[in-house]
Amino acid sequence: MHKIQLDQDIQPLSEFRSKVAFYFEKVKKTKRPLIITQNGKSTAILLDVSEYQSMLDMLEVIEDVKLAEAQLSQGKEISHKDLKKKFAKKL
């Protein structure tokens, strides 16, 4: 994900409402999220769809790594030789 530029990527809800199409295009072009504030507090974040998908993909990889680490710590590892045998049977 692209880094937020604080002077450009935080907008109050009233400003966002008046220029919705502009901000949609900006987020799509820059790939940076837009933080929308209400009453001076952050309320929502607008993300480009491809950036959101990238975040989901990264999260899935992290979850897979955590699962693998947990399995290893429980002694559920499998040797390379045994894995090759297992897949050879399926082919």
PDB file of N, CA and C in Angstrom:
ATOM      1  N   MET A   1       0.840  -1.166   0.000  1.00  0.00           N
ATOM      2  CA  MET A   1       0.000   0.000   0.000  1.00  0.00           C
ATOM      3  C   MET A   1       0.889   1.235   0.000  1.00  0.00           C
ATOM      4  N   HIS A   2       0.458   2.237  -0.724  1.00  0.00           N
ATOM      5  CA  HIS A   2       1.210   3.485  -0.793  1.00  0.00           C
ATOM      6  C   HIS A   2       1.031   4.278   0.499  1.00  0.00           C
ATOM      7  N   LYS A   3       2.053   4.996   0.865  1.00  0.00           N
ATOM      8  CA  LYS A   3       2.069   5.750   2.114  1.00  0.00           C
ATOM      9  C   LYS A   3       1.135   6.965   2.034  1.00  0.00           C
ATOM     10  N   ILE A   4       0.438   7.204   3.118  1.00  0.00           N
ATOM     11  CA  ILE A   4      -0.470   8.348   3.206  1.00  0.00           C
ATOM     12  C   ILE A   4       0.337   9.635   3.259  1.00  0.00           C
ATOM     13  N   GLN A   5      -0.127  10.630   2.518  1.00  0.00           N
ATOM     14  CA  GLN A   5       0.461  11.971   2.600  1.00  0.00           C
ATOM     15  C   GLN A   5      -0.520  12.820   3.410  1.00  0.00           C
ATOM     16  N   LEU A   6      -0.135  13.109   4.629  1.00  0.00           N
ATOM     17  CA  LEU A   6      -1.048  13.746   5.574  1.00  0.00           C
ATOM     18  C   LEU A   6      -1.649  15.055   5.069  1.00  0.00           C
ATOM     19  N   ASP A   7      -0.903  15.807   4.286  1.00  0.00           N
ATOM     20  CA  ASP A   7      -1.420  17.082   3.807  1.00  0.00           C
ATOM     21  C   ASP A   7      -2.405  16.938   2.641  1.00  0.00           C
ATOM     22  N   GLN A   8      -2.495  15.742   2.053  1.00  0.00           N
ATOM     23  CA  GLN A   8      -3.369  15.550   0.895  1.00  0.00           C
ATOM     24  C   GLN A   8      -4.415  14.457   1.074  1.00  0.00           C
ATOM     25  N   ASP A   9      -4.195  13.543   1.990  1.00  0.00           N
ATOM     26  CA  ASP A   9      -5.014  12.343   2.052  1.00  0.00           C
ATOM     27  C   ASP A   9      -5.950  12.271   3.247  1.00  0.00           C
ATOM     28  N   ILE A  10      -6.208  13.396   3.867  1.00  0.00           N
ATOM     29  CA  ILE A  10      -7.185  13.467   4.948  1.00  0.00           C
ATOM     30  C   ILE A  10      -8.157  14.587   4.603  1.00  0.00           C
ATOM     31  N   GLN A  11      -9.441  14.230   4.528  1.00  0.00           N
ATOM     32  CA  GLN A  11     -10.446  15.213   4.147  1.00  0.00           C
ATOM     33  C   GLN A  11     -11.665  15.105   5.055  1.00  0.00           C
ATOM     34  N   PRO A  12     -12.264  16.251   5.387  1.00  0.00           N
ATOM     35  CA  PRO A  12     -13.500  16.204   6.165  1.00  0.00           C
ATOM     36  C   PRO A  12     -14.649  15.677   5.299  1.00  0.00           C
ATOM     37  N   LEU A  13     -15.634  15.098   5.940  1.00  0.00           N
ATOM     38  CA  LEU A  13     -16.776  14.522   5.243  1.00  0.00           C
ATOM     39  C   LEU A  13     -17.459  15.536   4.336  1.00  0.00           C
ATOM     40  N   SER A  14     -17.605  16.773   4.796  1.00  0.00           N
ATOM     41  CA  SER A  14     -18.278  17.798   3.982  1.00  0.00           C
ATOM     42  C   SER A  14     -17.532  18.039   2.669  1.00  0.00           C
ATOM     43  N   GLU A  15     -16.213  18.093   2.727  1.00  0.00           N
ATOM     44  CA  GLU A  15     -15.395  18.268   1.520  1.00  0.00           C
ATOM     45  C   GLU A  15     -15.515  17.037   0.627  1.00  0.00           C
ATOM     46  N   PHE A  16     -15.468  15.847   1.228  1.00  0.00           N
ATOM     47  CA  PHE A  16     -15.597  14.601   0.463  1.00  0.00           C
ATOM     48  C   PHE A  16     -16.934  14.546  -0.259  1.00  0.00           C
ATOM     49  N   ARG A  17     -18.010  14.884   0.434  1.00  0.00           N
ATOM     50  CA  ARG A  17     -19.351  14.867  -0.174  1.00  0.00           C
ATOM     51  C   ARG A  17     -19.443  15.776  -1.391  1.00  0.00           C
ATOM     52  N   SER A  18     -18.836  16.940  -1.288  1.00  0.00           N
ATOM     53  CA  SER A  18     -18.956  17.908  -2.386  1.00  0.00           C
ATOM     54  C   SER A  18     -18.103  17.549  -3.604  1.00  0.00           C
ATOM     55  N   LYS A  19     -17.129  16.636  -3.420  1.00  0.00           N
ATOM     56  CA  LYS A  19     -16.233  16.278  -4.528  1.00  0.00           C
ATOM     57  C   LYS A  19     -16.012  14.767  -4.606  1.00  0.00           C
ATOM     58  N   VAL A  20     -17.075  13.987  -4.448  1.00  0.00           N
ATOM     59  CA  VAL A  20     -16.949  12.528  -4.400  1.00  0.00           C
ATOM     60  C   VAL A  20     -16.233  11.979  -5.631  1.00  0.00           C
ATOM     61  N   ALA A  21     -16.667  12.363  -6.810  1.00  0.00           N
ATOM     62  CA  ALA A  21     -16.060  11.839  -8.044  1.00  0.00           C
ATOM     63  C   ALA A  21     -14.573  12.187  -8.121  1.00  0.00           C
ATOM     64  N   PHE A  22     -14.210  13.390  -7.701  1.00  0.00           N
ATOM     65  CA  PHE A  22     -12.810  13.809  -7.699  1.00  0.00           C
ATOM     66  C   PHE A  22     -11.977  12.905  -6.795  1.00  0.00           C
ATOM     67  N   TYR A  23     -12.480  12.626  -5.587  1.00  0.00           N
ATOM     68  CA  TYR A  23     -11.721  11.808  -4.645  1.00  0.00           C
ATOM     69  C   TYR A  23     -11.659  10.341  -5.077  1.00  0.00           C
ATOM     70  N   PHE A  24     -12.728   9.837  -5.694  1.00  0.00           N
ATOM     71  CA  PHE A  24     -12.672   8.474  -6.244  1.00  0.00           C
ATOM     72  C   PHE A  24     -11.556   8.373  -7.269  1.00  0.00           C
ATOM     73  N   GLU A  25     -11.495   9.347  -8.166  1.00  0.00           N
ATOM     74  CA  GLU A  25     -10.471   9.347  -9.210  1.00  0.00           C
ATOM     75  C   GLU A  25      -9.071   9.498  -8.610  1.00  0.00           C
ATOM     76  N   LYS A  26      -8.949  10.358  -7.600  1.00  0.00           N
ATOM     77  CA  LYS A  26      -7.653  10.579  -6.952  1.00  0.00           C
ATOM     78  C   LYS A  26      -7.131   9.297  -6.307  1.00  0.00           C
ATOM     79  N   VAL A  27      -7.990   8.594  -5.580  1.00  0.00           N
ATOM     80  CA  VAL A  27      -7.596   7.346  -4.923  1.00  0.00           C
ATOM     81  C   VAL A  27      -7.219   6.298  -5.973  1.00  0.00           C
ATOM     82  N   LYS A  28      -7.991   6.247  -7.039  1.00  0.00           N
ATOM     83  CA  LYS A  28      -7.702   5.299  -8.112  1.00  0.00           C
ATOM     84  C   LYS A  28      -6.357   5.608  -8.777  1.00  0.00           C
ATOM     85  N   LYS A  29      -6.065   6.875  -8.984  1.00  0.00           N
ATOM     86  CA  LYS A  29      -4.831   7.289  -9.660  1.00  0.00           C
ATOM     87  C   LYS A  29      -3.603   7.142  -8.766  1.00  0.00           C
ATOM     88  N   THR A  30      -3.691   7.611  -7.534  1.00  0.00           N
ATOM     89  CA  THR A  30      -2.519   7.633  -6.640  1.00  0.00           C
ATOM     90  C   THR A  30      -2.302   6.312  -5.913  1.00  0.00           C
ATOM     91  N   LYS A  31      -3.365   5.502  -5.803  1.00  0.00           N
ATOM     92  CA  LYS A  31      -3.332   4.245  -5.047  1.00  0.00           C
ATOM     93  C   LYS A  31      -3.147   4.469  -3.549  1.00  0.00           C
ATOM     94  N   ARG A  32      -3.259   5.729  -3.115  1.00  0.00           N
ATOM     95  CA  ARG A  32      -3.147   6.046  -1.687  1.00  0.00           C
ATOM     96  C   ARG A  32      -4.549   6.081  -1.073  1.00  0.00           C
ATOM     97  N   PRO A  33      -4.690   5.624   0.160  1.00  0.00           N
ATOM     98  CA  PRO A  33      -5.999   5.702   0.808  1.00  0.00           C
ATOM     99  C   PRO A  33      -6.360   7.145   1.160  1.00  0.00           C
ATOM    100  N   LEU A  34      -7.646   7.392   1.257  1.00  0.00           N
ATOM    101  CA  LEU A  34      -8.146   8.701   1.678  1.00  0.00           C
ATOM    102  C   LEU A  34      -8.835   8.518   3.019  1.00  0.00           C
ATOM    103  N   ILE A  35      -8.403   9.266   4.008  1.00  0.00           N
ATOM    104  CA  ILE A  35      -9.015   9.215   5.331  1.00  0.00           C
ATOM    105  C   ILE A  35     -10.077  10.302   5.381  1.00  0.00           C
ATOM    106  N   ILE A  36     -11.287   9.899   5.736  1.00  0.00           N
ATOM    107  CA  ILE A  36     -12.405  10.833   5.816  1.00  0.00           C
ATOM    108  C   ILE A  36     -12.699  11.083   7.289  1.00  0.00           C
ATOM    109  N   THR A  37     -12.780  12.371   7.649  1.00  0.00           N
ATOM    110  CA  THR A  37     -13.025  12.729   9.042  1.00  0.00           C
ATOM    111  C   THR A  37     -14.433  13.283   9.208  1.00  0.00           C
ATOM    112  N   GLN A  38     -14.931  13.147  10.420  1.00  0.00           N
ATOM    113  CA  GLN A  38     -16.220  13.730  10.780  1.00  0.00           C
ATOM    114  C   GLN A  38     -16.065  14.304  12.180  1.00  0.00           C
ATOM    115  N   ASN A  39     -16.404  15.564  12.316  1.00  0.00           N
ATOM    116  CA  ASN A  39     -16.235  16.268  13.580  1.00  0.00           C
ATOM    117  C   ASN A  39     -14.788  16.200  14.072  1.00  0.00           C
ATOM    118  N   GLY A  40     -13.851  16.271  13.147  1.00  0.00           N
ATOM    119  CA  GLY A  40     -12.439  16.303  13.475  1.00  0.00           C
ATOM    120  C   GLY A  40     -11.802  14.964  13.810  1.00  0.00           C
ATOM    121  N   LYS A  41     -12.559  13.878  13.694  1.00  0.00           N
ATOM    122  CA  LYS A  41     -12.027  12.551  14.008  1.00  0.00           C
ATOM    123  C   LYS A  41     -12.124  11.653  12.782  1.00  0.00           C
ATOM    124  N   SER A  42     -11.137  10.788  12.602  1.00  0.00           N
ATOM    125  CA  SER A  42     -11.172   9.873  11.467  1.00  0.00           C
ATOM    126  C   SER A  42     -12.378   8.949  11.607  1.00  0.00           C
ATOM    127  N   THR A  43     -13.090   8.751  10.480  1.00  0.00           N
ATOM    128  CA  THR A  43     -14.320   7.976  10.484  1.00  0.00           C
ATOM    129  C   THR A  43     -14.281   6.817   9.499  1.00  0.00           C
ATOM    130  N   ALA A  44     -13.665   7.044   8.339  1.00  0.00           N
ATOM    131  CA  ALA A  44     -13.651   6.012   7.298  1.00  0.00           C
ATOM    132  C   ALA A  44     -12.408   6.167   6.433  1.00  0.00           C
ATOM    133  N   ILE A  45     -12.108   5.102   5.696  1.00  0.00           N
ATOM    134  CA  ILE A  45     -10.986   5.123   4.762  1.00  0.00           C
ATOM    135  C   ILE A  45     -11.488   4.640   3.417  1.00  0.00           C
ATOM    136  N   LEU A  46     -11.173   5.379   2.379  1.00  0.00           N
ATOM    137  CA  LEU A  46     -11.500   4.991   1.017  1.00  0.00           C
ATOM    138  C   LEU A  46     -10.248   4.417   0.382  1.00  0.00           C
ATOM    139  N   LEU A  47     -10.348   3.159  -0.114  1.00  0.00           N
ATOM    140  CA  LEU A  47      -9.202   2.476  -0.712  1.00  0.00           C
ATOM    141  C   LEU A  47      -9.485   2.136  -2.168  1.00  0.00           C
ATOM    142  N   ASP A  48      -8.438   2.132  -2.979  1.00  0.00           N
ATOM    143  CA  ASP A  48      -8.523   1.634  -4.335  1.00  0.00           C
ATOM    144  C   ASP A  48      -8.768   0.127  -4.275  1.00  0.00           C
ATOM    145  N   VAL A  49      -9.580  -0.396  -5.164  1.00  0.00           N
ATOM    146  CA  VAL A  49      -9.945  -1.806  -5.150  1.00  0.00           C
ATOM    147  C   VAL A  49      -8.717  -2.702  -5.279  1.00  0.00           C
ATOM    148  N   SER A  50      -7.801  -2.376  -6.169  1.00  0.00           N
ATOM    149  CA  SER A  50      -6.610  -3.223  -6.344  1.00  0.00           C
ATOM    150  C   SER A  50      -5.721  -3.193  -5.106  1.00  0.00           C
ATOM    151  N   GLU A  51      -5.644  -2.060  -4.428  1.00  0.00           N
ATOM    152  CA  GLU A  51      -4.873  -1.973  -3.189  1.00  0.00           C
ATOM    153  C   GLU A  51      -5.524  -2.809  -2.091  1.00  0.00           C
ATOM    154  N   TYR A  52      -6.854  -2.780  -2.044  1.00  0.00           N
ATOM    155  CA  TYR A  52      -7.575  -3.586  -1.061  1.00  0.00           C
ATOM    156  C   TYR A  52      -7.333  -5.072  -1.316  1.00  0.00           C
ATOM    157  N   GLN A  53      -7.411  -5.490  -2.584  1.00  0.00           N
ATOM    158  CA  GLN A  53      -7.162  -6.890  -2.927  1.00  0.00           C
ATOM    159  C   GLN A  53      -5.740  -7.295  -2.562  1.00  0.00           C
ATOM    160  N   SER A  54      -4.796  -6.409  -2.789  1.00  0.00           N
ATOM    161  CA  SER A  54      -3.406  -6.673  -2.438  1.00  0.00           C
ATOM    162  C   SER A  54      -3.255  -6.884  -0.930  1.00  0.00           C
ATOM    163  N   MET A  55      -3.957  -6.076  -0.145  1.00  0.00           N
ATOM    164  CA  MET A  55      -3.923  -6.233   1.311  1.00  0.00           C
ATOM    165  C   MET A  55      -4.507  -7.581   1.728  1.00  0.00           C
ATOM    166  N   LEU A  56      -5.616  -7.983   1.094  1.00  0.00           N
ATOM    167  CA  LEU A  56      -6.214  -9.278   1.416  1.00  0.00           C
ATOM    168  C   LEU A  56      -5.271 -10.421   1.063  1.00  0.00           C
ATOM    169  N   ASP A  57      -4.608 -10.326  -0.085  1.00  0.00           N
ATOM    170  CA  ASP A  57      -3.655 -11.350  -0.498  1.00  0.00           C
ATOM    171  C   ASP A  57      -2.502 -11.455   0.499  1.00  0.00           C
ATOM    172  N   MET A  58      -2.006 -10.321   0.934  1.00  0.00           N
ATOM    173  CA  MET A  58      -0.906 -10.302   1.897  1.00  0.00           C
ATOM    174  C   MET A  58      -1.348 -10.904   3.228  1.00  0.00           C
ATOM    175  N   LEU A  59      -2.540 -10.587   3.650  1.00  0.00           N
ATOM    176  CA  LEU A  59      -3.072 -11.138   4.896  1.00  0.00           C
ATOM    177  C   LEU A  59      -3.193 -12.661   4.803  1.00  0.00           C
ATOM    178  N   GLU A  60      -3.625 -13.167   3.658  1.00  0.00           N
ATOM    179  CA  GLU A  60      -3.744 -14.614   3.470  1.00  0.00           C
ATOM    180  C   GLU A  60      -2.381 -15.296   3.593  1.00  0.00           C
ATOM    181  N   VAL A  61      -1.348 -14.699   3.018  1.00  0.00           N
ATOM    182  CA  VAL A  61       0.003 -15.261   3.123  1.00  0.00           C
ATOM    183  C   VAL A  61       0.463 -15.262   4.580  1.00  0.00           C
ATOM    184  N   ILE A  62       0.226 -14.175   5.279  1.00  0.00           N
ATOM    185  CA  ILE A  62       0.620 -14.084   6.688  1.00  0.00           C
ATOM    186  C   ILE A  62      -0.097 -15.150   7.512  1.00  0.00           C
ATOM    187  N   GLU A  63      -1.378 -15.360   7.249  1.00  0.00           N
ATOM    188  CA  GLU A  63      -2.122 -16.388   7.974  1.00  0.00           C
ATOM    189  C   GLU A  63      -1.574 -17.784   7.673  1.00  0.00           C
ATOM    190  N   ASP A  64      -1.193 -18.028   6.415  1.00  0.00           N
ATOM    191  CA  ASP A  64      -0.593 -19.319   6.059  1.00  0.00           C
ATOM    192  C   ASP A  64       0.731 -19.538   6.793  1.00  0.00           C
ATOM    193  N   VAL A  65       1.542 -18.498   6.888  1.00  0.00           N
ATOM    194  CA  VAL A  65       2.822 -18.601   7.591  1.00  0.00           C
ATOM    195  C   VAL A  65       2.586 -18.881   9.075  1.00  0.00           C
ATOM    196  N   LYS A  66       1.626 -18.182   9.670  1.00  0.00           N
ATOM    197  CA  LYS A  66       1.318 -18.419  11.084  1.00  0.00           C
ATOM    198  C   LYS A  66       0.844 -19.847  11.328  1.00  0.00           C
ATOM    199  N   LEU A  67       0.021 -20.371  10.413  1.00  0.00           N
ATOM    200  CA  LEU A  67      -0.451 -21.746  10.535  1.00  0.00           C
ATOM    201  C   LEU A  67       0.718 -22.714  10.423  1.00  0.00           C
ATOM    202  N   ALA A  68       1.594 -22.480   9.468  1.00  0.00           N
ATOM    203  CA  ALA A  68       2.765 -23.353   9.288  1.00  0.00           C
ATOM    204  C   ALA A  68       3.659 -23.327  10.520  1.00  0.00           C
ATOM    205  N   GLU A  69       3.862 -22.142  11.098  1.00  0.00           N
ATOM    206  CA  GLU A  69       4.679 -22.041  12.309  1.00  0.00           C
ATOM    207  C   GLU A  69       4.039 -22.803  13.462  1.00  0.00           C
ATOM    208  N   ALA A  70       2.728 -22.712  13.583  1.00  0.00           N
ATOM    209  CA  ALA A  70       2.024 -23.429  14.651  1.00  0.00           C
ATOM    210  C   ALA A  70       2.147 -24.937  14.453  1.00  0.00           C
ATOM    211  N   GLN A  71       2.004 -25.372  13.202  1.00  0.00           N
ATOM    212  CA  GLN A  71       2.127 -26.799  12.914  1.00  0.00           C
ATOM    213  C   GLN A  71       3.537 -27.305  13.209  1.00  0.00           C
ATOM    214  N   LEU A  72       4.531 -26.513  12.867  1.00  0.00           N
ATOM    215  CA  LEU A  72       5.920 -26.897  13.150  1.00  0.00           C
ATOM    216  C   LEU A  72       6.153 -27.010  14.656  1.00  0.00           C
ATOM    217  N   SER A  73       5.625 -26.047  15.396  1.00  0.00           N
ATOM    218  CA  SER A  73       5.841 -26.076  16.854  1.00  0.00           C
ATOM    219  C   SER A  73       5.119 -27.252  17.504  1.00  0.00           C
ATOM    220  N   GLN A  74       4.109 -27.809  16.829  1.00  0.00           N
ATOM    221  CA  GLN A  74       3.376 -28.969  17.344  1.00  0.00           C
ATOM    222  C   GLN A  74       3.954 -30.281  16.805  1.00  0.00           C
ATOM    223  N   GLY A  75       5.065 -30.176  16.089  1.00  0.00           N
ATOM    224  CA  GLY A  75       5.706 -31.371  15.559  1.00  0.00           C
ATOM    225  C   GLY A  75       4.998 -31.977  14.366  1.00  0.00           C
ATOM    226  N   LYS A  76       4.245 -31.180  13.646  1.00  0.00           N
ATOM    227  CA  LYS A  76       3.484 -31.691  12.505  1.00  0.00           C
ATOM    228  C   LYS A  76       4.197 -31.467  11.173  1.00  0.00           C
ATOM    229  N   GLU A  77       5.517 -31.355  11.220  1.00  0.00           N
ATOM    230  CA  GLU A  77       6.248 -31.143   9.969  1.00  0.00           C
ATOM    231  C   GLU A  77       6.321 -32.440   9.175  1.00  0.00           C
ATOM    232  N   ILE A  78       6.605 -32.296   7.877  1.00  0.00           N
ATOM    233  CA  ILE A  78       6.756 -33.451   7.001  1.00  0.00           C
ATOM    234  C   ILE A  78       8.042 -33.255   6.204  1.00  0.00           C
ATOM    235  N   SER A  79       8.794 -34.306   6.046  1.00  0.00           N
ATOM    236  CA  SER A  79      10.071 -34.193   5.324  1.00  0.00           C
ATOM    237  C   SER A  79       9.810 -34.009   3.834  1.00  0.00           C
ATOM    238  N   HIS A  80      10.802 -33.471   3.176  1.00  0.00           N
ATOM    239  CA  HIS A  80      10.704 -33.257   1.734  1.00  0.00           C
ATOM    240  C   HIS A  80      10.501 -34.593   1.018  1.00  0.00           C
ATOM    241  N   LYS A  81      11.210 -35.609   1.453  1.00  0.00           N
ATOM    242  CA  LYS A  81      11.124 -36.940   0.856  1.00  0.00           C
ATOM    243  C   LYS A  81       9.698 -37.492   0.982  1.00  0.00           C
ATOM    244  N   ASP A  82       9.106 -37.374   2.176  1.00  0.00           N
ATOM    245  CA  ASP A  82       7.741 -37.870   2.395  1.00  0.00           C
ATOM    246  C   ASP A  82       6.720 -37.064   1.594  1.00  0.00           C
ATOM    247  N   LEU A  83       6.942 -35.795   1.475  1.00  0.00           N
ATOM    248  CA  LEU A  83       6.042 -34.946   0.704  1.00  0.00           C
ATOM    249  C   LEU A  83       6.066 -35.330  -0.776  1.00  0.00           C
ATOM    250  N   LYS A  84       7.259 -35.593  -1.290  1.00  0.00           N
ATOM    251  CA  LYS A  84       7.373 -36.014  -2.695  1.00  0.00           C
ATOM    252  C   LYS A  84       6.624 -37.334  -2.917  1.00  0.00           C
ATOM    253  N   LYS A  85       6.749 -38.262  -1.974  1.00  0.00           N
ATOM    254  CA  LYS A  85       6.033 -39.532  -2.084  1.00  0.00           C
ATOM    255  C   LYS A  85       4.518 -39.331  -2.085  1.00  0.00           C
ATOM    256  N   LYS A  86       4.082 -38.452  -1.207  1.00  0.00           N
ATOM    257  CA  LYS A  86       2.647 -38.173  -1.076  1.00  0.00           C
ATOM    258  C   LYS A  86       2.098 -37.619  -2.395  1.00  0.00           C
ATOM    259  N   PHE A  87       2.796 -36.684  -3.003  1.00  0.00           N
ATOM    260  CA  PHE A  87       2.330 -36.093  -4.249  1.00  0.00           C
ATOM    261  C   PHE A  87       2.507 -37.036  -5.429  1.00  0.00           C
ATOM    262  N   ALA A  88       3.508 -37.877  -5.390  1.00  0.00           N
ATOM    263  CA  ALA A  88       3.724 -38.852  -6.461  1.00  0.00           C
ATOM    264  C   ALA A  88       2.544 -39.828  -6.534  1.00  0.00           C
ATOM    265  N   LYS A  89       1.995 -40.187  -5.387  1.00  0.00           N
ATOM    266  CA  LYS A  89       0.831 -41.082  -5.349  1.00  0.00           C
ATOM    267  C   LYS A  89      -0.389 -40.436  -5.995  1.00  0.00           C
ATOM    268  N   LYS A  90      -0.531 -39.125  -5.814  1.00  0.00           N
ATOM    269  CA  LYS A  90      -1.689 -38.419  -6.364  1.00  0.00           C
ATOM    270  C   LYS A  90      -1.582 -38.244  -7.877  1.00  0.00           C
ATOM    271  N   LEU A  91      -0.370 -38.231  -8.384  1.00  0.00           N
ATOM    272  CA  LEU A  91      -0.179 -38.049  -9.824  1.00  0.00           C
ATOM    273  C   LEU A  91      -0.308 -39.389 -10.487  1.00  0.00           C
TER     274      LEU A  91
END
